[in-house]
Amino acid sequence: MKTATHVARILLGLVFFIAGINVFLQIIPMPPMPPAAARVVGGLASSGYFFPLLGAVEALTGAALLARRFVPLALVVLAPLILNICLIHLFLAPAGLPLASVLLALELFLAWSYRAAFAPLLRARDDDTQVRSGTMASSVAR
């Protein structure tokens, strides 16, 4: 299980690190897109800020995964990006759906592997006794 988690983390990290760097260096050419997908991408590009921000986020989260630093945080940040990648390919550019499915599978596998880090976020209720006693405040202050 450790080896599979290591391989999945490296693969996901490489994909996003390279994709993020590619926004700035344009090493890998963008394949042609169907018209509907091209309109979405064109709209995002017209904002002027979206793709540089996306590239920076992808490169930083990819680097975090590769360096095995802040992995749960990187997975949380990547989750909406991967969901959007999957939805774009599902509805607008189906040719990329196999790669999008692999990214989703890697993300879900890693989220499961790091589930202990997400357990406090998934509690339905907060434990008020920690907040009142100062335990939570003192751990936040560190």
Foldseek 3Di string as FASTA:
>chain_A
DVVVLLVLLLVQLVVLLVQLVCLVVVPDPDDDFDPVLVVVVVVQVVVVVRSNVSSVLSNVLSVCSNVVHPVVVSLVSCVVVLVVVCVCCVPGNVVCNVVSVSSVVSSVVNCVVVVVVCVVVPDPDDDVVCVVVCVVVVVVVD
